[in-house]
């Protein structure tokens, strides 16, 4: 009998949810960086193996005090992922527990769903003997179905996490074809790849003021031609993204093109522009234009 379940990957910002999704899928689907708020929208990742199918829902990090419309939209995306799922994979960082983790735990407790606690980044703990009391302390916070220490970055104990997830999947026909990896189209992932390069290459604050829209996506016999607009919030941010003599924008474009070609499996010609939309991250109308769903 086939097994299939929807699993929400949930937690506070910067605990490694997207890296964990990529590791569970065995390929890169969600963009990642060391900076919080990299993931802005829910992303489905489908892992099919023989009679088992897991539909993972990668979510933005849950924020305790969302200030702007974009942040509130991210929180709605995260909380909405707890509806209609079979299992929650709550991700925390092994070497810390914060108020944001308490907030995420409270939301999971209220959902009343089966929960596996993935204690991520165990590779950061140098003295492994200190991990046991950490796990014992976490076990007292909720009646978890399982607690699994993992490293999404190195892959440590991922097989054990796979087994724990599989054991909790309901008997059900598969929801997606066996070769499908997501419900998102190529344009979405191309925009995310460009945004990943912005997040990784720019300063601490500027990535949160940027968004990417794909204006053109055309295939011909030789290559895929893509035109992308990078939106910033203030005119003073544009020269930072462009860089002296256009060097930063070229660097962003080169790195993005390389990853897009690997993702699409074909040659790509990528053009990028930088334009200003004042205060776009707190403007519901502009957010909708940028493809981000927000409530009125």
Protein backbone atom coordinates (compact mmCIF):
# COMPACT_ATOMS: atom_id res chain seq x y z
CA UNK A 1 0.00 0.00 0.00
CA UNK A 2 1.49 3.40 -0.95
CA UNK A 3 2.23 5.94 1.75
CA UNK A 4 2.06 9.68 1.24
CA UNK A 5 2.11 12.61 3.62
CA UNK A 6 2.49 16.38 3.70
CA UNK A 7 5.22 17.53 6.08
CA UNK A 8 5.60 21.18 7.14
CA UNK A 9 9.20 22.22 7.86
CA UNK A 10 8.66 24.82 10.56
CA UNK A 11 10.75 26.96 12.89
CA UNK A 12 12.19 30.37 13.60
CA UNK A 13 14.54 32.18 11.18
CA UNK A 14 18.03 30.95 10.38
CA UNK A 15 17.82 27.45 11.89
CA UNK A 16 18.54 25.76 8.55
CA UNK A 17 15.08 24.77 7.30
CA UNK A 18 15.83 25.31 3.61
CA UNK A 19 19.19 23.57 3.82
CA UNK A 20 17.43 20.66 5.52
CA UNK A 21 14.80 20.52 2.77
CA UNK A 22 17.51 20.38 0.12
CA UNK A 23 19.27 17.61 2.00
CA UNK A 24 16.07 15.58 2.42
CA UNK A 25 15.30 15.94 -1.29
CA UNK A 26 18.85 15.09 -2.33
CA UNK A 27 19.02 18.20 -4.52
CA UNK A 28 18.92 21.96 -4.21
CA UNK A 29 15.42 23.42 -4.43
CA UNK A 30 15.23 26.20 -1.82
CA UNK A 31 17.75 29.02 -1.84
CA UNK A 32 19.95 29.33 1.23
CA UNK A 33 22.23 31.82 2.95
CA UNK A 34 23.57 32.51 6.42
CA UNK A 35 21.18 35.46 6.74
CA UNK A 36 17.68 35.12 8.19
CA UNK A 37 14.54 35.78 6.13
CA UNK A 38 16.06 34.22 3.00
CA UNK A 39 12.91 32.16 2.41
CA UNK A 40 9.87 34.40 1.79
CA UNK A 41 7.22 32.04 0.43
CA UNK A 42 6.13 28.46 0.93
CA UNK A 43 7.86 26.00 -1.39
CA UNK A 44 6.77 22.41 -1.95
CA UNK A 45 9.48 19.80 -2.39
CA UNK A 46 8.39 16.31 -3.42
CA UNK A 47 10.47 13.24 -2.54
CA UNK A 48 9.26 9.96 -4.05
CA UNK A 49 10.94 6.64 -3.33
CA UNK A 50 9.21 3.40 -4.33
CA UNK A 51 5.85 3.28 -2.48
CA UNK A 52 6.62 6.33 -0.31
CA UNK A 53 6.06 9.98 -1.19
CA UNK A 54 6.79 12.90 1.13
CA UNK A 55 5.55 16.37 0.19
CA UNK A 56 7.68 18.81 2.16
CA UNK A 57 6.53 22.38 2.71
CA UNK A 58 9.45 24.72 3.31
CA UNK A 59 8.28 27.80 5.19
CA UNK A 60 9.66 31.26 5.99
CA UNK A 61 11.08 31.61 9.48
CA UNK A 62 8.36 32.55 11.97
CA UNK A 63 8.99 36.05 13.34
CA UNK A 64 7.88 37.19 16.77
CA UNK A 65 7.33 40.85 15.83
CA UNK A 66 6.72 41.21 12.09
CA UNK A 67 7.13 44.91 11.29
CA UNK A 68 6.42 45.32 7.57
CA UNK A 69 3.82 43.93 5.17
CA UNK A 70 6.44 41.57 3.73
CA UNK A 71 7.23 40.19 7.20
CA UNK A 72 3.55 39.77 8.02
CA UNK A 73 3.09 37.95 4.71
CA UNK A 74 5.97 35.64 5.61
CA UNK A 75 4.35 34.83 8.96
CA UNK A 76 1.04 34.04 7.24
CA UNK A 77 2.90 31.75 4.85
CA UNK A 78 4.56 29.95 7.76
CA UNK A 79 1.42 29.58 9.90
CA UNK A 80 -0.70 28.61 6.90
CA UNK A 81 1.62 25.67 6.32
CA UNK A 82 0.37 24.10 9.57
CA UNK A 83 -3.09 23.69 8.05
CA UNK A 84 -3.89 20.51 6.15
CA UNK A 85 -0.58 18.74 6.79
CA UNK A 86 0.02 15.31 8.29
CA UNK A 87 3.21 16.02 10.21
CA UNK A 88 5.32 18.93 11.43
CA UNK A 89 9.09 18.84 11.27
CA UNK A 90 10.06 21.45 13.86
CA UNK A 91 13.63 22.59 13.28
CA UNK A 92 15.74 24.12 16.04
CA UNK A 93 19.43 24.84 16.38
CA UNK A 94 21.38 22.50 18.64
CA UNK A 95 23.47 25.14 20.37
CA UNK A 96 20.73 27.59 21.34
CA UNK A 97 17.07 28.08 22.28
CA UNK A 98 15.53 31.54 21.91
CA UNK A 99 12.23 33.35 22.48
CA UNK A 100 11.57 32.83 18.76
CA UNK A 101 11.85 29.06 19.29
CA UNK A 102 9.35 29.32 22.15
CA UNK A 103 6.99 31.19 19.83
CA UNK A 104 7.35 28.56 17.09
CA UNK A 105 6.82 25.76 19.61
CA UNK A 106 3.62 27.41 20.86
CA UNK A 107 2.23 27.48 17.32
CA UNK A 108 3.08 23.82 16.80
CA UNK A 109 1.52 22.85 20.13
CA UNK A 110 -1.70 24.69 19.20
CA UNK A 111 -1.86 22.87 15.85
CA UNK A 112 -2.16 19.51 17.64
CA UNK A 113 -0.29 17.58 14.93
CA UNK A 114 2.34 14.84 15.15
CA UNK A 115 5.73 16.51 15.55
CA UNK A 116 9.28 15.41 14.90
CA UNK A 117 11.92 17.68 16.42
CA UNK A 118 14.94 18.04 14.13
CA UNK A 119 17.82 19.36 16.22
CA UNK A 120 19.96 20.87 13.48
CA UNK A 121 23.57 22.07 13.30
CA UNK A 122 24.92 19.43 15.69
CA UNK A 123 28.22 19.87 13.83
CA UNK A 124 28.58 23.19 15.69
CA UNK A 125 28.79 21.37 19.03
CA UNK A 126 32.45 20.52 19.56
CA UNK A 127 31.98 18.48 22.74
CA UNK A 128 29.49 15.81 21.68
CA UNK A 129 28.98 14.70 25.28
CA UNK A 130 27.16 17.98 25.89
CA UNK A 131 24.54 17.08 23.26
CA UNK A 132 22.73 14.52 25.45
CA UNK A 133 21.63 17.01 28.15
CA UNK A 134 20.52 19.37 25.36
CA UNK A 135 18.30 16.65 23.89
CA UNK A 136 16.97 15.72 27.34
CA UNK A 137 16.03 19.36 27.97
CA UNK A 138 14.28 19.62 24.60
CA UNK A 139 12.35 16.42 25.25
CA UNK A 140 10.65 18.13 28.18
CA UNK A 141 9.18 20.92 26.05
CA UNK A 142 6.60 18.79 24.18
CA UNK A 143 5.61 15.16 23.66
CA UNK A 144 7.48 14.85 20.37
CA UNK A 145 6.97 11.74 18.28
CA UNK A 146 10.72 11.68 17.71
CA UNK A 147 13.76 13.83 18.41
CA UNK A 148 16.49 13.52 15.79
CA UNK A 149 19.84 15.35 16.00
CA UNK A 150 21.05 16.15 12.47
CA UNK A 151 23.39 18.30 10.44
CA UNK A 152 21.68 19.50 7.27
CA UNK A 153 24.98 20.91 6.06
CA UNK A 154 27.00 17.69 6.34
CA UNK A 155 24.15 15.17 6.03
CA UNK A 156 24.79 13.58 9.43
CA UNK A 157 21.86 11.41 10.59
CA UNK A 158 19.62 12.40 7.68
CA UNK A 159 18.88 8.73 6.97
CA UNK A 160 17.54 8.34 10.52
CA UNK A 161 15.33 11.39 10.00
CA UNK A 162 14.03 9.89 6.74
CA UNK A 163 13.05 6.72 8.61
CA UNK A 164 11.24 8.63 11.36
CA UNK A 165 9.27 10.63 8.81
CA UNK A 166 8.39 7.53 6.76
CA UNK A 167 7.07 5.74 9.85
CA UNK A 168 4.49 8.49 10.43
CA UNK A 169 3.16 8.80 6.88
CA UNK A 170 -0.46 7.74 6.35
CA UNK A 171 -1.46 5.09 3.82
CA UNK A 172 -2.58 7.13 0.82
CA UNK A 173 -2.12 7.32 -2.92
CA UNK A 174 0.63 9.62 -4.07
CA UNK A 175 -0.34 13.24 -4.68
CA UNK A 176 2.26 13.96 -7.39
CA UNK A 177 3.88 12.14 -10.28
CA UNK A 178 7.03 10.32 -9.32
CA UNK A 179 9.29 12.62 -11.36
CA UNK A 180 7.80 15.89 -10.05
CA UNK A 181 9.92 17.74 -7.49
CA UNK A 182 7.81 20.85 -6.82
CA UNK A 183 4.59 22.67 -7.61
CA UNK A 184 6.51 25.81 -8.59
CA UNK A 185 7.48 26.67 -12.15
CA UNK A 186 10.91 27.42 -13.60
CA UNK A 187 10.42 31.21 -13.53
CA UNK A 188 9.93 31.15 -9.75
CA UNK A 189 13.13 29.22 -9.13
CA UNK A 190 15.12 31.37 -11.54
CA UNK A 191 14.05 34.50 -9.63
CA UNK A 192 14.96 32.78 -6.36
CA UNK A 193 18.43 31.91 -7.66
CA UNK A 194 19.09 35.56 -8.55
CA UNK A 195 17.83 36.63 -5.12
CA UNK A 196 20.10 34.09 -3.44
CA UNK A 197 23.13 35.75 -5.05
CA UNK A 198 21.93 39.16 -3.84
CA UNK A 199 21.55 37.77 -0.33
CA UNK A 200 24.98 36.17 -0.31
CA UNK A 201 26.99 38.93 -2.01
CA UNK A 202 25.53 42.13 -0.56
CA UNK A 203 25.78 43.61 2.95
CA UNK A 204 23.81 42.61 6.00
CA UNK A 205 20.78 44.87 5.48
CA UNK A 206 20.46 45.42 1.73
CA UNK A 207 19.25 41.90 0.74
CA UNK A 208 16.05 42.46 2.73
CA UNK A 209 15.34 45.54 0.59
CA UNK A 210 15.60 43.63 -2.70
CA UNK A 211 13.25 41.51 -4.75
CA UNK A 212 13.51 39.92 -8.20
CA UNK A 213 10.96 39.73 -11.03
CA UNK A 214 11.45 37.70 -14.21
CA UNK A 215 10.34 39.90 -17.11
CA UNK A 216 11.21 37.53 -19.95
CA UNK A 217 11.77 33.77 -20.18
CA UNK A 218 12.14 32.48 -23.73
CA UNK A 219 13.60 29.30 -25.19
CA UNK A 220 15.16 29.14 -28.64
CA UNK A 221 17.18 26.44 -30.35
CA UNK A 222 20.46 27.48 -28.72
CA UNK A 223 19.57 28.69 -25.22
CA UNK A 224 17.08 30.12 -22.74
CA UNK A 225 16.99 33.93 -22.70
CA UNK A 226 16.05 35.46 -19.37
CA UNK A 227 15.54 39.09 -18.37
CA UNK A 228 15.31 39.89 -14.66
CA UNK A 229 14.62 43.10 -12.76
CA UNK A 230 16.10 43.58 -9.29
CA UNK A 231 13.94 45.95 -7.28
CA UNK A 232 15.38 48.00 -4.39
CA UNK A 233 13.57 50.27 -1.95
CA UNK A 234 15.63 53.48 -2.16
CA UNK A 235 17.58 55.24 -4.87
CA UNK A 236 20.73 55.12 -2.74
CA UNK A 237 20.64 51.30 -2.79
CA UNK A 238 20.81 51.02 -6.57
CA UNK A 239 24.51 51.96 -6.93
CA UNK A 240 25.40 49.42 -4.24
CA UNK A 241 23.77 46.61 -6.21
CA UNK A 242 25.29 47.82 -9.49
CA UNK A 243 28.73 48.38 -7.97
CA UNK A 244 31.62 50.43 -9.29
CA UNK A 245 31.66 50.17 -13.05
CA UNK A 246 28.84 47.61 -12.84
CA UNK A 247 31.16 45.00 -11.27
CA UNK A 248 28.79 43.84 -8.51
CA UNK A 249 25.85 43.41 -10.88
CA UNK A 250 28.06 41.43 -13.28
CA UNK A 251 29.23 39.23 -10.41
CA UNK A 252 25.63 38.62 -9.30
CA UNK A 253 24.61 37.82 -12.88
CA UNK A 254 27.54 35.47 -13.53
CA UNK A 255 26.96 33.44 -10.38
CA UNK A 256 23.22 33.34 -10.98
CA UNK A 257 23.62 32.29 -14.62
CA UNK A 258 25.91 29.41 -13.62
CA UNK A 259 23.35 28.06 -11.12
CA UNK A 260 20.40 28.64 -13.47
CA UNK A 261 22.14 26.66 -16.22
CA UNK A 262 22.70 23.82 -13.78
CA UNK A 263 19.07 23.99 -12.63
CA UNK A 264 17.57 24.13 -16.14
CA UNK A 265 20.12 21.81 -17.73
CA UNK A 266 20.72 24.11 -20.69
CA UNK A 267 22.65 27.21 -21.75
CA UNK A 268 21.30 30.53 -20.46
CA UNK A 269 21.66 34.16 -21.52
CA UNK A 270 20.78 36.31 -18.48
CA UNK A 271 20.21 40.06 -18.47
CA UNK A 272 19.64 41.98 -15.23
CA UNK A 273 18.51 45.52 -14.44
CA UNK A 274 18.20 47.36 -11.14
CA UNK A 275 15.19 49.60 -10.54
CA UNK A 276 13.72 51.43 -7.54
CA UNK A 277 10.29 50.87 -5.98
CA UNK A 278 10.10 53.04 -2.89
CA UNK A 279 9.27 51.09 0.30
CA UNK A 280 8.06 48.04 -1.65
CA UNK A 281 8.40 45.69 1.34
CA UNK A 282 5.67 47.56 3.25
CA UNK A 283 3.32 48.26 0.32
CA UNK A 284 0.66 45.58 -0.23
CA UNK A 285 -0.06 46.71 -3.79
CA UNK A 286 3.60 46.59 -4.78
CA UNK A 287 4.08 43.24 -3.07
CA UNK A 288 1.29 41.77 -5.18
CA UNK A 289 2.97 43.16 -8.30
CA UNK A 290 6.14 41.39 -7.19
CA UNK A 291 4.25 38.10 -6.90
CA UNK A 292 3.98 38.03 -3.10
CA UNK A 293 0.52 37.25 -1.73
CA UNK A 294 -0.57 39.62 1.04
CA UNK A 295 -3.82 40.21 2.91
CA UNK A 296 -5.61 43.54 2.67
